[in-house]
Protein backbone atom coordinates (compact mmCIF):
# COMPACT_ATOMS: atom_id res chain seq x y z
CA MET A 1 -8.48 -16.03 -11.60
CA THR A 2 -5.62 -17.35 -12.31
CA GLY A 3 -4.64 -18.73 -8.71
CA ARG A 4 -1.62 -17.97 -8.64
CA LEU A 5 -1.51 -17.23 -4.47
CA GLU A 6 -2.46 -20.85 -3.70
CA GLY A 7 -0.91 -21.69 -0.87
CA LYS A 8 0.83 -18.09 -0.06
CA VAL A 9 0.30 -15.82 2.95
CA ALA A 10 -0.90 -12.70 2.87
CA VAL A 11 -1.42 -10.21 5.83
CA VAL A 12 -1.88 -7.01 4.33
CA THR A 13 -2.48 -3.76 6.04
CA GLY A 14 -5.18 -1.09 5.74
CA ALA A 15 -7.30 -3.33 4.55
CA ALA A 16 -11.11 -2.32 5.73
CA SER A 17 -10.68 -0.57 2.95
CA GLY A 18 -9.80 1.21 -0.47
CA ILE A 19 -6.82 -0.66 -1.99
CA GLY A 20 -7.06 -2.96 1.34
CA ALA A 21 -9.42 -4.48 0.71
CA ALA A 22 -9.87 -4.83 -2.33
CA SER A 23 -6.63 -6.35 -2.78
CA ALA A 24 -7.65 -9.00 0.27
CA ARG A 25 -9.98 -9.80 -2.00
CA ARG A 26 -7.81 -9.52 -4.66
CA PHE A 27 -5.09 -11.68 -2.76
CA ALA A 28 -7.73 -14.31 -2.08
CA ALA A 29 -9.22 -15.18 -4.99
CA GLU A 30 -6.05 -15.90 -6.52
CA GLY A 31 -5.60 -18.41 -3.74
CA ALA A 32 -3.79 -17.17 -0.94
CA LYS A 33 -4.86 -17.49 2.89
CA VAL A 34 -5.09 -13.77 3.72
CA VAL A 35 -5.03 -11.74 7.39
CA VAL A 36 -6.65 -8.42 7.43
CA ALA A 37 -5.09 -5.88 9.34
CA ASP A 38 -6.48 -2.46 10.21
CA LEU A 39 -7.21 -0.66 13.22
CA ALA A 40 -11.21 -0.15 11.91
CA ALA A 41 -12.56 -3.50 13.71
CA ASP A 42 -16.04 -4.36 12.82
CA ALA A 43 -14.72 -3.40 8.59
CA GLY A 44 -12.24 -5.44 8.96
CA ARG A 45 -13.52 -8.20 10.35
CA ALA A 46 -16.44 -7.77 7.75
CA VAL A 47 -13.92 -8.24 4.67
CA ALA A 48 -12.25 -10.78 6.30
CA GLU A 49 -15.18 -12.94 6.41
CA GLU A 50 -15.91 -12.19 2.77
CA VAL A 51 -12.58 -13.02 1.77
CA GLY A 52 -12.29 -16.76 4.56
CA GLY A 53 -9.30 -14.83 5.93
CA THR A 54 -8.98 -13.22 9.99
CA PHE A 55 -8.58 -9.90 10.95
CA PHE A 56 -6.35 -8.76 13.62
CA GLU A 57 -6.70 -5.29 15.20
CA VAL A 58 -3.36 -2.99 14.61
CA ASP A 59 -2.09 0.15 15.38
CA VAL A 60 0.76 -0.58 12.75
CA THR A 61 2.73 2.96 13.74
CA ASP A 62 3.26 -0.05 17.37
CA ALA A 63 5.74 -1.72 16.67
CA GLU A 64 4.58 -4.67 19.56
CA GLN A 65 1.56 -4.75 17.88
CA VAL A 66 2.88 -5.26 14.42
CA ALA A 67 5.15 -8.71 15.43
CA ALA A 68 2.08 -9.85 16.76
CA MET A 69 -0.05 -9.51 13.64
CA TYR A 70 2.83 -11.47 11.64
CA ARG A 71 2.99 -14.11 14.52
CA HIS A 72 -1.03 -14.53 14.52
CA ALA A 73 -0.22 -14.71 10.63
CA LEU A 74 2.88 -17.88 11.55
CA GLU A 75 0.21 -18.94 14.24
CA VAL A 76 -2.92 -19.20 12.22
CA HIS A 77 -2.10 -19.68 9.09
CA GLY A 78 1.72 -21.82 9.15
CA GLY A 79 3.69 -19.78 7.22
CA LEU A 80 3.96 -16.17 5.72
CA GLN A 81 5.01 -15.09 1.70
CA VAL A 82 2.98 -11.41 0.73
CA CYS A 83 3.43 -8.70 3.35
CA PHE A 84 1.08 -5.34 1.65
CA ASN A 85 3.00 -2.97 3.50
CA ASN A 86 -1.00 -0.29 2.42
CA ALA A 87 -1.76 1.43 5.31
CA GLY A 88 -1.28 4.96 5.30
CA ILE A 89 -3.47 8.36 5.81
CA SER A 90 -3.70 11.94 4.58
CA PRO A 91 -5.31 14.53 6.96
CA PRO A 92 -6.91 17.92 6.29
CA GLU A 93 -4.40 19.55 7.62
CA ASP A 94 -1.34 18.06 5.31
CA ASP A 95 -1.06 21.06 3.12
CA SER A 96 0.69 23.70 2.18
CA ILE A 97 3.98 23.82 3.69
CA LEU A 98 3.45 27.01 5.10
CA SER A 99 0.35 25.69 6.86
CA THR A 100 0.59 22.77 8.08
CA GLY A 101 2.02 21.58 11.58
CA LEU A 102 4.58 19.79 13.40
CA GLU A 103 2.19 17.65 15.15
CA ALA A 104 0.63 16.94 11.88
CA TRP A 105 3.52 16.48 9.94
CA ARG A 106 5.27 13.87 12.48
CA ARG A 107 1.71 12.24 12.87
CA VAL A 108 1.41 12.11 9.36
CA GLN A 109 4.91 10.51 8.97
CA GLU A 110 4.87 8.24 11.59
CA VAL A 111 1.43 6.39 9.56
CA ASN A 112 2.85 6.68 6.02
CA LEU A 113 6.52 5.58 6.88
CA THR A 114 6.70 4.51 10.15
CA SER A 115 5.14 1.47 9.45
CA VAL A 116 6.76 0.37 7.03
CA TYR A 117 9.47 0.45 8.49
CA LEU A 118 8.28 -1.46 11.23
CA CYS A 119 6.61 -3.87 9.06
CA CYS A 120 9.40 -4.39 6.64
CA LYS A 121 11.53 -4.99 9.97
CA GLU A 122 9.04 -7.27 11.44
CA ALA A 123 8.58 -8.90 8.23
CA LEU A 124 11.95 -10.13 6.54
CA PRO A 125 13.31 -11.97 9.11
CA LEU A 126 10.01 -14.03 8.56
CA LEU A 127 10.42 -14.47 5.34
CA VAL A 128 13.95 -15.08 4.51
CA GLU A 129 13.79 -18.59 6.52
CA GLY A 130 10.88 -18.93 5.27
CA GLY A 131 13.20 -19.67 1.60
CA GLY A 132 11.17 -16.32 -0.22
CA GLY A 133 8.67 -14.68 0.12
CA SER A 134 7.59 -10.26 -1.05
CA ILE A 135 7.00 -7.29 0.48
CA ILE A 136 4.91 -4.30 -2.10
CA ASN A 137 4.85 -0.48 0.34
CA THR A 138 2.80 1.45 -1.53
CA ALA A 139 4.48 4.90 -2.40
CA SER A 140 2.88 7.22 -5.21
CA PHE A 141 2.75 8.64 -8.29
CA VAL A 142 3.42 11.72 -5.47
CA ALA A 143 6.72 10.67 -4.39
CA LEU A 144 7.86 10.71 -8.55
CA MET A 145 6.35 14.68 -9.31
CA GLY A 146 5.41 16.77 -7.99
CA SER A 147 2.73 18.74 -7.43
CA ALA A 148 1.20 22.31 -6.81
CA THR A 149 -2.11 20.85 -5.10
CA SER A 150 1.03 20.26 -1.76
CA GLN A 151 0.02 17.51 1.19
CA ILE A 152 3.80 18.25 1.74
CA SER A 153 3.88 15.24 4.75
CA TYR A 154 2.02 12.69 2.65
CA THR A 155 3.79 13.60 -0.36
CA ALA A 156 7.77 12.87 1.97
CA SER A 157 6.21 10.34 3.34
CA LYS A 158 5.52 8.63 -0.21
CA GLY A 159 8.90 9.43 -1.41
CA GLY A 160 10.69 7.78 1.95
CA VAL A 161 8.95 4.39 1.08
CA LEU A 162 9.93 4.49 -2.48
CA ALA A 163 13.77 5.10 -1.27
CA LEU A 164 13.52 2.73 1.63
CA SER A 165 11.65 -0.02 -0.74
CA ARG A 166 14.27 -0.27 -3.53
CA GLU A 167 17.23 -0.28 -0.73
CA LEU A 168 15.39 -3.10 0.53
CA GLY A 169 14.84 -4.27 -3.16
CA VAL A 170 18.46 -4.83 -3.55
CA GLN A 171 20.12 -5.45 0.35
CA PHE A 172 17.91 -9.09 0.20
CA ALA A 173 17.66 -9.71 -3.51
CA ARG A 174 19.97 -12.93 -3.38
CA GLN A 175 18.12 -14.66 0.23
CA GLY A 176 14.84 -14.09 -2.45
CA VAL A 177 12.89 -11.49 -0.64
CA ARG A 178 11.86 -8.92 -3.48
CA VAL A 179 10.68 -5.89 -1.98
CA ASN A 180 8.97 -3.20 -4.75
CA ALA A 181 7.39 0.12 -4.23
CA LEU A 182 3.85 0.12 -5.63
CA CYS A 183 3.22 3.91 -6.97
CA PRO A 184 -0.85 4.22 -7.41
CA GLY A 185 -2.07 7.44 -9.20
CA PRO A 186 -5.62 9.00 -7.86
CA VAL A 187 -8.23 6.21 -6.80
CA SER A 188 -11.80 6.92 -6.51
CA THR A 189 -11.24 5.81 -1.80
CA PRO A 190 -13.21 7.24 0.39
CA LEU A 191 -9.93 9.54 0.83
CA LEU A 192 -10.38 11.62 -2.38
CA GLU A 193 -14.48 11.12 -2.42
CA GLU A 194 -14.22 13.34 0.54
CA LEU A 195 -11.09 16.31 -1.18
CA PHE A 196 -14.46 16.26 -4.07
CA ALA A 197 -16.87 16.78 -1.02
CA LYS A 198 -14.46 19.23 0.25
CA ASP A 199 -12.92 21.04 -2.77
CA PRO A 200 -13.96 20.17 -5.63
CA GLU A 201 -11.56 22.40 -7.93
CA ARG A 202 -8.61 20.54 -6.17
CA ALA A 203 -9.76 18.11 -7.06
CA ALA A 204 -10.78 18.58 -10.36
CA ARG A 205 -6.70 19.72 -10.83
CA ARG A 206 -6.33 17.00 -10.05
CA LEU A 207 -8.06 14.35 -13.15
CA VAL A 208 -7.42 16.85 -15.76
CA HIS A 209 -3.66 16.08 -15.45
CA VAL A 210 -4.71 12.15 -16.04
CA PRO A 211 -5.05 11.19 -19.79
CA MET A 212 -6.89 8.67 -19.38
CA GLY A 213 -9.68 10.68 -18.17
CA ARG A 214 -10.07 9.11 -14.71
CA PHE A 215 -9.65 7.90 -11.68
CA GLY A 216 -8.33 4.32 -10.98
CA ARG A 217 -9.99 1.78 -8.91
CA PRO A 218 -9.11 0.26 -6.82
CA GLU A 219 -9.74 -3.21 -7.84
CA GLU A 220 -6.55 -1.80 -10.25
CA ILE A 221 -4.41 -1.25 -7.95
CA ALA A 222 -5.81 -4.26 -6.09
CA ALA A 223 -3.92 -6.47 -9.61
CA ALA A 224 -1.29 -5.28 -9.86
CA ALA A 225 -0.58 -5.87 -6.61
CA ALA A 226 -1.31 -9.23 -7.10
CA PHE A 227 1.22 -9.05 -9.73
CA LEU A 228 3.90 -7.85 -7.83
CA ALA A 229 2.66 -10.83 -4.74
CA SER A 230 3.25 -13.54 -7.29
CA ASP A 231 6.10 -15.40 -9.20
CA ASP A 232 4.55 -13.84 -12.04
CA SER A 233 6.82 -10.70 -11.74
CA SER A 234 9.67 -12.96 -10.16
CA PHE A 235 12.24 -10.65 -11.56
CA VAL A 236 10.99 -7.93 -10.62
CA THR A 237 12.43 -5.95 -7.20
CA ALA A 238 13.36 -2.93 -5.71
CA SER A 239 11.10 -1.30 -8.79
CA SER A 240 8.32 1.39 -8.58
CA PHE A 241 5.94 0.17 -9.90
CA VAL A 242 3.06 3.11 -11.04
CA VAL A 243 -0.37 1.71 -12.27
CA ASP A 244 -1.14 6.29 -12.45
CA GLY A 245 -3.19 6.30 -16.40
CA GLY A 246 -0.24 7.71 -17.80
CA ILE A 247 0.09 10.93 -16.08
CA GLN A 248 4.08 9.99 -15.12
CA GLY A 249 3.84 9.99 -19.10
CA ALA A 250 1.79 13.22 -20.17
CA TYR A 251 3.06 16.75 -21.00
CA VAL A 252 -0.03 17.87 -21.86
CA THR A 253 -3.48 15.29 -22.07
CA PRO A 254 -6.15 14.32 -24.46
CA LEU A 255 -9.68 16.82 -25.15
């Protein structure tokens, strides 16, 4: 590793598994002090111990807990330079608009979009005061495309994350804070594996559209997050940073 994050303090939400855990590992390998933030305490503590960071148990939909999370970064690690707002859910009850109930819609919006609003709202003043930094918000390639296998609230929430990130990236560019939306394609995480187990046909309909012929790996998304967190991306802000195996560029995929 190149040590691109040496001397930086990074807070990663949803860091107990999947993309978040892979990113915590990559950030630490690049030299960052990492706050592993998640509701899953046992798994989160294990990741924090592995990367030599600290664990903070947080419900990212709770404003007071989010504020306390960033205070933890300042008090324990002495600063805050990178915020990877990655926590999210995709429950099975979020499906077609015709079958998704209002309660399911609201829950996904709270976890996937309102949490990003709260994290950015609390982190931005601290980053500005500290001389700048990088915010990375996990959106999705579905924020940029339509799908006939819809998860309607998830899709809408990720579109909101993308728009929010673009707005903040523009607003805070001259104050030294970069804000980007990371848009992964389908990634082999527990969420996707659960979909394969429950509905292999629906999952297979996704795979056929990936030109590379496979789903992404969490480590590949973590590598993109590390780039956006580092000074290598110093002229990148308000972007939709797509890591999707070529899905957006494809009309038909190779045989």
